[in-house]
Amino acid sequence: MGREAASTEITLLLDANCIIYYCQRFNENFGGTPINLHHPLGDLVSQIIEPLISARKRIGSISAVLSEIPNKGAEELVDDFILSPPIQRILTRTGVTSVPPRIRERWQGRFLQKVKKLRHNEWFREINFTPSHEELQMAKDFYRSLAGDPKMAHHIAKKGKDCPSNVDLALAICAKELRVPILSNDGDFTKFVGEWARFGVDIKPLI
């Protein structure tokens, strides 16, 4: 079982969504008009973590989360970014009706480079953490025990699955072991803050 010793340096863990938002910042020139594109949720992540960085606190995530992001596909993630309402409003205001494929490809490369750079930032810690089969099963059993809650029934119907991914569960187990909160924008976490607290996991919703 791959597992790093718990580090008292780390004060906050980031989920995949928060890392994606944070790394999606692009400066581009459209027909002579320079545009700085960044999602408001990325700005919010920055507002939360920058005071911690200034105070020389460490922020981190597990290796599985960081490896999962490129596997999601840079093309799909950049397309989602472009099509998000806040970015569409910025593009529309500046007269940009579409983002050319060559710019999309450039942004995909920049995004992956930013994720790679994040892993090596002085203030960031990548944690090699793999929970045991027993720990994963306990987390799954806990989550599935909420099935009778109408809130959970609605969430499952909307999401189409009755349990978070093994990567998300591993992040939760790591947070429980390190006793540090997870900053998250994932409904599997943020819709059940009180329930996760009973399991020993502190969830800090991004919004």
C-alpha atoms as a PDB file:
ATOM      1  CA  MET A   1       0.000   0.000   0.000  1.00  0.00           C
ATOM      2  CA  GLY A   2       1.630   3.248  -1.150  1.00  0.00           C
ATOM      3  CA  ARG A   3       1.364   5.779   1.632  1.00  0.00           C
ATOM      4  CA  GLU A   4       3.314   8.814   2.758  1.00  0.00           C
ATOM      5  CA  ALA A   5       3.639   9.702   6.414  1.00  0.00           C
ATOM      6  CA  ALA A   6       1.105  12.311   7.501  1.00  0.00           C
ATOM      7  CA  SER A   7       2.564  15.801   7.169  1.00  0.00           C
ATOM      8  CA  THR A   8       1.689  18.474   9.711  1.00  0.00           C
ATOM      9  CA  GLU A   9       2.786  21.052   7.110  1.00  0.00           C
ATOM     10  CA  ILE A  10      -0.325  20.620   4.993  1.00  0.00           C
ATOM     11  CA  THR A  11      -3.267  22.785   6.001  1.00  0.00           C
ATOM     12  CA  LEU A  12      -5.618  22.287   3.038  1.00  0.00           C
ATOM     13  CA  LEU A  13      -6.268  19.645   0.382  1.00  0.00           C
ATOM     14  CA  LEU A  14      -7.636  20.494  -3.064  1.00  0.00           C
ATOM     15  CA  ASP A  15      -9.988  18.321  -5.062  1.00  0.00           C
ATOM     16  CA  ALA A  16      -9.655  17.914  -8.839  1.00  0.00           C
ATOM     17  CA  ASN A  17     -12.230  20.602  -9.636  1.00  0.00           C
ATOM     18  CA  CYS A  18     -10.400  23.236  -7.607  1.00  0.00           C
ATOM     19  CA  ILE A  19      -7.079  22.385  -9.246  1.00  0.00           C
ATOM     20  CA  ILE A  20      -8.657  22.554 -12.696  1.00  0.00           C
ATOM     21  CA  TYR A  21     -10.237  25.954 -12.002  1.00  0.00           C
ATOM     22  CA  TYR A  22      -6.987  27.271 -10.553  1.00  0.00           C
ATOM     23  CA  CYS A  23      -4.925  26.193 -13.569  1.00  0.00           C
ATOM     24  CA  GLN A  24      -7.323  27.481 -16.233  1.00  0.00           C
ATOM     25  CA  ARG A  25      -6.035  31.012 -16.751  1.00  0.00           C
ATOM     26  CA  PHE A  26      -5.220  32.122 -20.284  1.00  0.00           C
ATOM     27  CA  ASN A  27      -3.928  35.354 -21.767  1.00  0.00           C
ATOM     28  CA  GLU A  28      -4.732  35.614 -25.459  1.00  0.00           C
ATOM     29  CA  ASN A  29      -4.792  38.168 -28.239  1.00  0.00           C
ATOM     30  CA  PHE A  30      -7.905  38.072 -30.408  1.00  0.00           C
ATOM     31  CA  GLY A  31      -7.535  40.305 -33.465  1.00  0.00           C
ATOM     32  CA  GLY A  32      -5.377  42.787 -31.589  1.00  0.00           C
ATOM     33  CA  THR A  33      -7.489  42.711 -28.434  1.00  0.00           C
ATOM     34  CA  PRO A  34      -5.688  41.175 -25.447  1.00  0.00           C
ATOM     35  CA  ILE A  35      -7.971  39.171 -23.163  1.00  0.00           C
ATOM     36  CA  ASN A  36      -7.231  37.650 -19.780  1.00  0.00           C
ATOM     37  CA  LEU A  37      -9.577  34.706 -19.339  1.00  0.00           C
ATOM     38  CA  HIS A  38     -10.119  33.105 -15.951  1.00  0.00           C
ATOM     39  CA  HIS A  39     -13.133  31.447 -14.375  1.00  0.00           C
ATOM     40  CA  PRO A  40     -14.635  33.156 -11.294  1.00  0.00           C
ATOM     41  CA  LEU A  41     -14.299  29.870  -9.403  1.00  0.00           C
ATOM     42  CA  GLY A  42     -10.589  29.894 -10.206  1.00  0.00           C
ATOM     43  CA  ASP A  43     -10.406  33.388  -8.743  1.00  0.00           C
ATOM     44  CA  LEU A  44     -12.172  32.102  -5.638  1.00  0.00           C
ATOM     45  CA  VAL A  45      -9.666  29.266  -5.238  1.00  0.00           C
ATOM     46  CA  SER A  46      -6.859  31.843  -5.504  1.00  0.00           C
ATOM     47  CA  GLN A  47      -8.501  34.087  -2.875  1.00  0.00           C
ATOM     48  CA  ILE A  48      -8.676  31.149  -0.472  1.00  0.00           C
ATOM     49  CA  ILE A  49      -5.199  29.707  -0.945  1.00  0.00           C
ATOM     50  CA  GLU A  50      -3.093  32.850  -1.465  1.00  0.00           C
ATOM     51  CA  PRO A  51      -3.338  33.998   2.190  1.00  0.00           C
ATOM     52  CA  LEU A  52      -2.236  30.505   3.205  1.00  0.00           C
ATOM     53  CA  ILE A  53       0.696  30.645   0.805  1.00  0.00           C
ATOM     54  CA  SER A  54       1.668  34.086   2.129  1.00  0.00           C
ATOM     55  CA  ALA A  55       1.607  32.628   5.656  1.00  0.00           C
ATOM     56  CA  ARG A  56       3.970  29.896   4.435  1.00  0.00           C
ATOM     57  CA  LYS A  57       1.343  27.207   4.825  1.00  0.00           C
ATOM     58  CA  ARG A  58       1.364  24.182   2.579  1.00  0.00           C
ATOM     59  CA  ILE A  59      -1.495  23.086   0.320  1.00  0.00           C
ATOM     60  CA  GLY A  60      -1.668  19.705  -1.329  1.00  0.00           C
ATOM     61  CA  SER A  61      -3.526  16.880  -2.954  1.00  0.00           C
ATOM     62  CA  ILE A  62      -2.983  13.182  -3.491  1.00  0.00           C
ATOM     63  CA  SER A  63      -1.114  11.829  -6.509  1.00  0.00           C
ATOM     64  CA  ALA A  64      -4.232  10.056  -7.772  1.00  0.00           C
ATOM     65  CA  VAL A  65      -6.103  13.371  -8.070  1.00  0.00           C
ATOM     66  CA  LEU A  66      -3.221  15.026  -9.924  1.00  0.00           C
ATOM     67  CA  SER A  67      -2.865  12.059 -12.282  1.00  0.00           C
ATOM     68  CA  GLU A  68      -6.613  11.960 -12.890  1.00  0.00           C
ATOM     69  CA  ILE A  69      -6.732  15.494 -14.311  1.00  0.00           C
ATOM     70  CA  PRO A  70      -4.761  14.800 -17.544  1.00  0.00           C
ATOM     71  CA  ASN A  71      -6.732  11.551 -17.888  1.00  0.00           C
ATOM     72  CA  LYS A  72      -9.955  13.572 -18.019  1.00  0.00           C
ATOM     73  CA  GLY A  73      -8.617  15.041 -21.256  1.00  0.00           C
ATOM     74  CA  ALA A  74      -7.229  18.531 -21.732  1.00  0.00           C
ATOM     75  CA  GLU A  75      -9.368  19.005 -24.845  1.00  0.00           C
ATOM     76  CA  GLU A  76     -12.615  18.320 -22.983  1.00  0.00           C
ATOM     77  CA  LEU A  77     -11.608  20.411 -19.970  1.00  0.00           C
ATOM     78  CA  VAL A  78     -10.629  23.414 -22.104  1.00  0.00           C
ATOM     79  CA  ASP A  79     -13.839  23.097 -24.131  1.00  0.00           C
ATOM     80  CA  ASP A  80     -15.852  23.049 -20.887  1.00  0.00           C
ATOM     81  CA  PHE A  81     -13.970  26.171 -19.793  1.00  0.00           C
ATOM     82  CA  ILE A  82     -14.710  27.992 -23.062  1.00  0.00           C
ATOM     83  CA  LEU A  83     -18.398  27.035 -22.994  1.00  0.00           C
ATOM     84  CA  SER A  84     -18.929  28.014 -19.354  1.00  0.00           C
ATOM     85  CA  PRO A  85     -21.286  31.026 -19.001  1.00  0.00           C
ATOM     86  CA  PRO A  86     -18.724  33.350 -17.341  1.00  0.00           C
ATOM     87  CA  ILE A  87     -16.180  32.805 -20.122  1.00  0.00           C
ATOM     88  CA  GLN A  88     -18.823  33.080 -22.829  1.00  0.00           C
ATOM     89  CA  ARG A  89     -19.847  36.457 -21.408  1.00  0.00           C
ATOM     90  CA  ILE A  90     -16.256  37.725 -21.520  1.00  0.00           C
ATOM     91  CA  LEU A  91     -15.775  36.512 -25.082  1.00  0.00           C
ATOM     92  CA  THR A  92     -19.087  38.030 -26.206  1.00  0.00           C
ATOM     93  CA  ARG A  93     -18.267  41.411 -24.647  1.00  0.00           C
ATOM     94  CA  THR A  94     -15.000  41.518 -26.593  1.00  0.00           C
ATOM     95  CA  GLY A  95     -16.626  40.469 -29.874  1.00  0.00           C
ATOM     96  CA  VAL A  96     -15.167  36.952 -29.987  1.00  0.00           C
ATOM     97  CA  THR A  97     -17.725  34.584 -31.492  1.00  0.00           C
ATOM     98  CA  SER A  98     -15.569  31.454 -31.431  1.00  0.00           C
ATOM     99  CA  VAL A  99     -12.155  30.257 -30.276  1.00  0.00           C
ATOM    100  CA  PRO A 100     -10.106  28.901 -33.206  1.00  0.00           C
ATOM    101  CA  PRO A 101      -8.786  25.323 -32.969  1.00  0.00           C
ATOM    102  CA  ARG A 102      -5.149  26.497 -32.896  1.00  0.00           C
ATOM    103  CA  ILE A 103      -5.865  28.625 -29.804  1.00  0.00           C
ATOM    104  CA  ARG A 104      -7.780  25.791 -28.156  1.00  0.00           C
ATOM    105  CA  GLU A 105      -4.788  23.506 -28.717  1.00  0.00           C
ATOM    106  CA  ARG A 106      -2.440  26.126 -27.284  1.00  0.00           C
ATOM    107  CA  TRP A 107      -4.619  26.443 -24.186  1.00  0.00           C
ATOM    108  CA  GLN A 108      -4.681  22.670 -23.749  1.00  0.00           C
ATOM    109  CA  GLY A 109      -0.890  22.639 -23.675  1.00  0.00           C
ATOM    110  CA  ARG A 110      -0.729  25.591 -21.285  1.00  0.00           C
ATOM    111  CA  PHE A 111      -3.254  23.996 -18.965  1.00  0.00           C
ATOM    112  CA  LEU A 112      -1.316  20.736 -18.718  1.00  0.00           C
ATOM    113  CA  GLN A 113       1.899  22.688 -18.137  1.00  0.00           C
ATOM    114  CA  LYS A 114       0.269  24.602 -15.276  1.00  0.00           C
ATOM    115  CA  VAL A 115      -0.905  21.381 -13.642  1.00  0.00           C
ATOM    116  CA  LYS A 116       2.617  19.975 -14.009  1.00  0.00           C
ATOM    117  CA  LYS A 117       4.150  23.154 -12.582  1.00  0.00           C
ATOM    118  CA  LEU A 118       1.736  23.095  -9.641  1.00  0.00           C
ATOM    119  CA  ARG A 119       3.107  19.712  -8.586  1.00  0.00           C
ATOM    120  CA  HIS A 120       6.550  21.295  -8.150  1.00  0.00           C
ATOM    121  CA  ASN A 121       5.585  24.583  -6.487  1.00  0.00           C
ATOM    122  CA  GLU A 122       7.332  25.204  -3.174  1.00  0.00           C
ATOM    123  CA  TRP A 123       4.030  25.708  -1.378  1.00  0.00           C
ATOM    124  CA  PHE A 124       2.353  22.614  -2.826  1.00  0.00           C
ATOM    125  CA  ARG A 125       2.701  19.050  -1.602  1.00  0.00           C
ATOM    126  CA  GLU A 126       1.858  16.013  -3.700  1.00  0.00           C
ATOM    127  CA  ILE A 127       0.958  13.188  -1.349  1.00  0.00           C
ATOM    128  CA  ASN A 128       1.608   9.591  -2.305  1.00  0.00           C
ATOM    129  CA  PHE A 129      -1.409   8.070  -0.620  1.00  0.00           C
ATOM    130  CA  THR A 130      -3.229   4.848  -1.438  1.00  0.00           C
ATOM    131  CA  PRO A 131      -5.869   3.693   1.040  1.00  0.00           C
ATOM    132  CA  SER A 132      -6.255   0.046   1.903  1.00  0.00           C
ATOM    133  CA  HIS A 133      -9.088  -1.995   0.456  1.00  0.00           C
ATOM    134  CA  GLU A 134     -10.687  -2.016   3.912  1.00  0.00           C
ATOM    135  CA  GLU A 135     -10.535   1.771   4.183  1.00  0.00           C
ATOM    136  CA  LEU A 136     -12.094   2.199   0.749  1.00  0.00           C
ATOM    137  CA  GLN A 137     -14.861  -0.233   1.600  1.00  0.00           C
ATOM    138  CA  MET A 138     -15.594   1.575   4.859  1.00  0.00           C
ATOM    139  CA  ALA A 139     -15.888   4.882   2.993  1.00  0.00           C
ATOM    140  CA  LYS A 140     -18.184   3.312   0.376  1.00  0.00           C
ATOM    141  CA  ASP A 141     -20.343   1.721   3.070  1.00  0.00           C
ATOM    142  CA  PHE A 142     -20.604   5.063   4.843  1.00  0.00           C
ATOM    143  CA  TYR A 143     -21.666   6.893   1.678  1.00  0.00           C
ATOM    144  CA  ARG A 144     -24.147   4.216   0.653  1.00  0.00           C
ATOM    145  CA  SER A 145     -25.649   4.261   4.153  1.00  0.00           C
ATOM    146  CA  LEU A 146     -27.051   7.686   3.241  1.00  0.00           C
ATOM    147  CA  ALA A 147     -29.195   6.207   0.450  1.00  0.00           C
ATOM    148  CA  GLY A 148     -32.408   6.580   2.466  1.00  0.00           C
ATOM    149  CA  ASP A 149     -31.946  10.343   2.719  1.00  0.00           C
ATOM    150  CA  PRO A 150     -34.157  12.164   0.148  1.00  0.00           C
ATOM    151  CA  LYS A 151     -31.265  14.551  -0.505  1.00  0.00           C
ATOM    152  CA  MET A 152     -29.034  11.609  -1.418  1.00  0.00           C
ATOM    153  CA  ALA A 153     -31.744   9.984  -3.537  1.00  0.00           C
ATOM    154  CA  HIS A 154     -32.048  13.200  -5.546  1.00  0.00           C
ATOM    155  CA  HIS A 155     -28.259  13.452  -5.874  1.00  0.00           C
ATOM    156  CA  ILE A 156     -27.927   9.851  -7.096  1.00  0.00           C
ATOM    157  CA  ALA A 157     -30.744  10.337  -9.609  1.00  0.00           C
ATOM    158  CA  LYS A 158     -29.017  13.442 -10.957  1.00  0.00           C
ATOM    159  CA  LYS A 159     -25.493  12.034 -11.024  1.00  0.00           C
ATOM    160  CA  GLY A 160     -26.347   8.483 -12.028  1.00  0.00           C
ATOM    161  CA  LYS A 161     -24.136   6.677  -9.510  1.00  0.00           C
ATOM    162  CA  ASP A 162     -24.443   5.769  -5.864  1.00  0.00           C
ATOM    163  CA  CYS A 163     -20.859   6.400  -4.788  1.00  0.00           C
ATOM    164  CA  PRO A 164     -17.955   8.786  -5.470  1.00  0.00           C
ATOM    165  CA  SER A 165     -14.981   7.545  -7.474  1.00  0.00           C
ATOM    166  CA  ASN A 166     -12.188   5.664  -5.730  1.00  0.00           C
ATOM    167  CA  VAL A 167      -9.989   8.724  -6.292  1.00  0.00           C
ATOM    168  CA  ASP A 168     -12.426  10.992  -4.443  1.00  0.00           C
ATOM    169  CA  LEU A 169     -12.799   8.459  -1.660  1.00  0.00           C
ATOM    170  CA  ALA A 170      -9.007   8.195  -1.374  1.00  0.00           C
ATOM    171  CA  LEU A 171      -8.821  11.987  -1.028  1.00  0.00           C
ATOM    172  CA  ALA A 172     -11.456  11.863   1.724  1.00  0.00           C
ATOM    173  CA  ILE A 173      -9.603   9.100   3.579  1.00  0.00           C
ATOM    174  CA  CYS A 174      -6.348  11.046   3.295  1.00  0.00           C
ATOM    175  CA  ALA A 175      -8.036  14.173   4.673  1.00  0.00           C
ATOM    176  CA  LYS A 176      -9.400  12.141   7.572  1.00  0.00           C
ATOM    177  CA  GLU A 177      -5.950  10.732   8.350  1.00  0.00           C
ATOM    178  CA  LEU A 178      -4.161  14.082   8.059  1.00  0.00           C
ATOM    179  CA  ARG A 179      -7.008  15.903   9.845  1.00  0.00           C
ATOM    180  CA  VAL A 180      -7.065  18.692   7.277  1.00  0.00           C
ATOM    181  CA  PRO A 181     -10.044  20.021   5.270  1.00  0.00           C
ATOM    182  CA  ILE A 182     -10.764  19.463   1.589  1.00  0.00           C
ATOM    183  CA  LEU A 183     -11.608  22.489  -0.545  1.00  0.00           C
ATOM    184  CA  SER A 184     -14.117  21.123  -3.016  1.00  0.00           C
ATOM    185  CA  ASN A 185     -16.681  21.984  -5.650  1.00  0.00           C
ATOM    186  CA  ASP A 186     -17.800  18.372  -6.090  1.00  0.00           C
ATOM    187  CA  GLY A 187     -21.392  17.653  -5.126  1.00  0.00           C
ATOM    188  CA  ASP A 188     -20.386  14.247  -3.730  1.00  0.00           C
ATOM    189  CA  PHE A 189     -18.647  16.280  -1.017  1.00  0.00           C
ATOM    190  CA  THR A 190     -20.353  19.671  -0.873  1.00  0.00           C
ATOM    191  CA  LYS A 191     -23.948  18.427  -0.695  1.00  0.00           C
ATOM    192  CA  PHE A 192     -23.150  16.303   2.353  1.00  0.00           C
ATOM    193  CA  VAL A 193     -20.858  18.424   4.513  1.00  0.00           C
ATOM    194  CA  GLY A 194     -22.505  17.393   7.790  1.00  0.00           C
ATOM    195  CA  GLU A 195     -22.573  13.737   6.820  1.00  0.00           C
ATOM    196  CA  TRP A 196     -18.885  13.715   5.904  1.00  0.00           C
ATOM    197  CA  ALA A 197     -18.116  15.454   9.196  1.00  0.00           C
ATOM    198  CA  ARG A 198     -19.651  12.503  11.037  1.00  0.00           C
ATOM    199  CA  PHE A 199     -17.256  10.253   9.108  1.00  0.00           C
ATOM    200  CA  GLY A 200     -14.360  12.467  10.221  1.00  0.00           C
ATOM    201  CA  VAL A 201     -13.837  14.431   7.006  1.00  0.00           C
ATOM    202  CA  ASP A 202     -13.941  18.237   6.995  1.00  0.00           C
ATOM    203  CA  ILE A 203     -15.338  19.559   3.704  1.00  0.00           C
ATOM    204  CA  LYS A 204     -14.942  23.254   2.824  1.00  0.00           C
ATOM    205  CA  PRO A 205     -17.298  23.996  -0.097  1.00  0.00           C
ATOM    206  CA  LEU A 206     -15.792  26.348  -2.650  1.00  0.00           C
ATOM    207  CA  ILE A 207     -19.169  28.074  -3.002  1.00  0.00           C
END
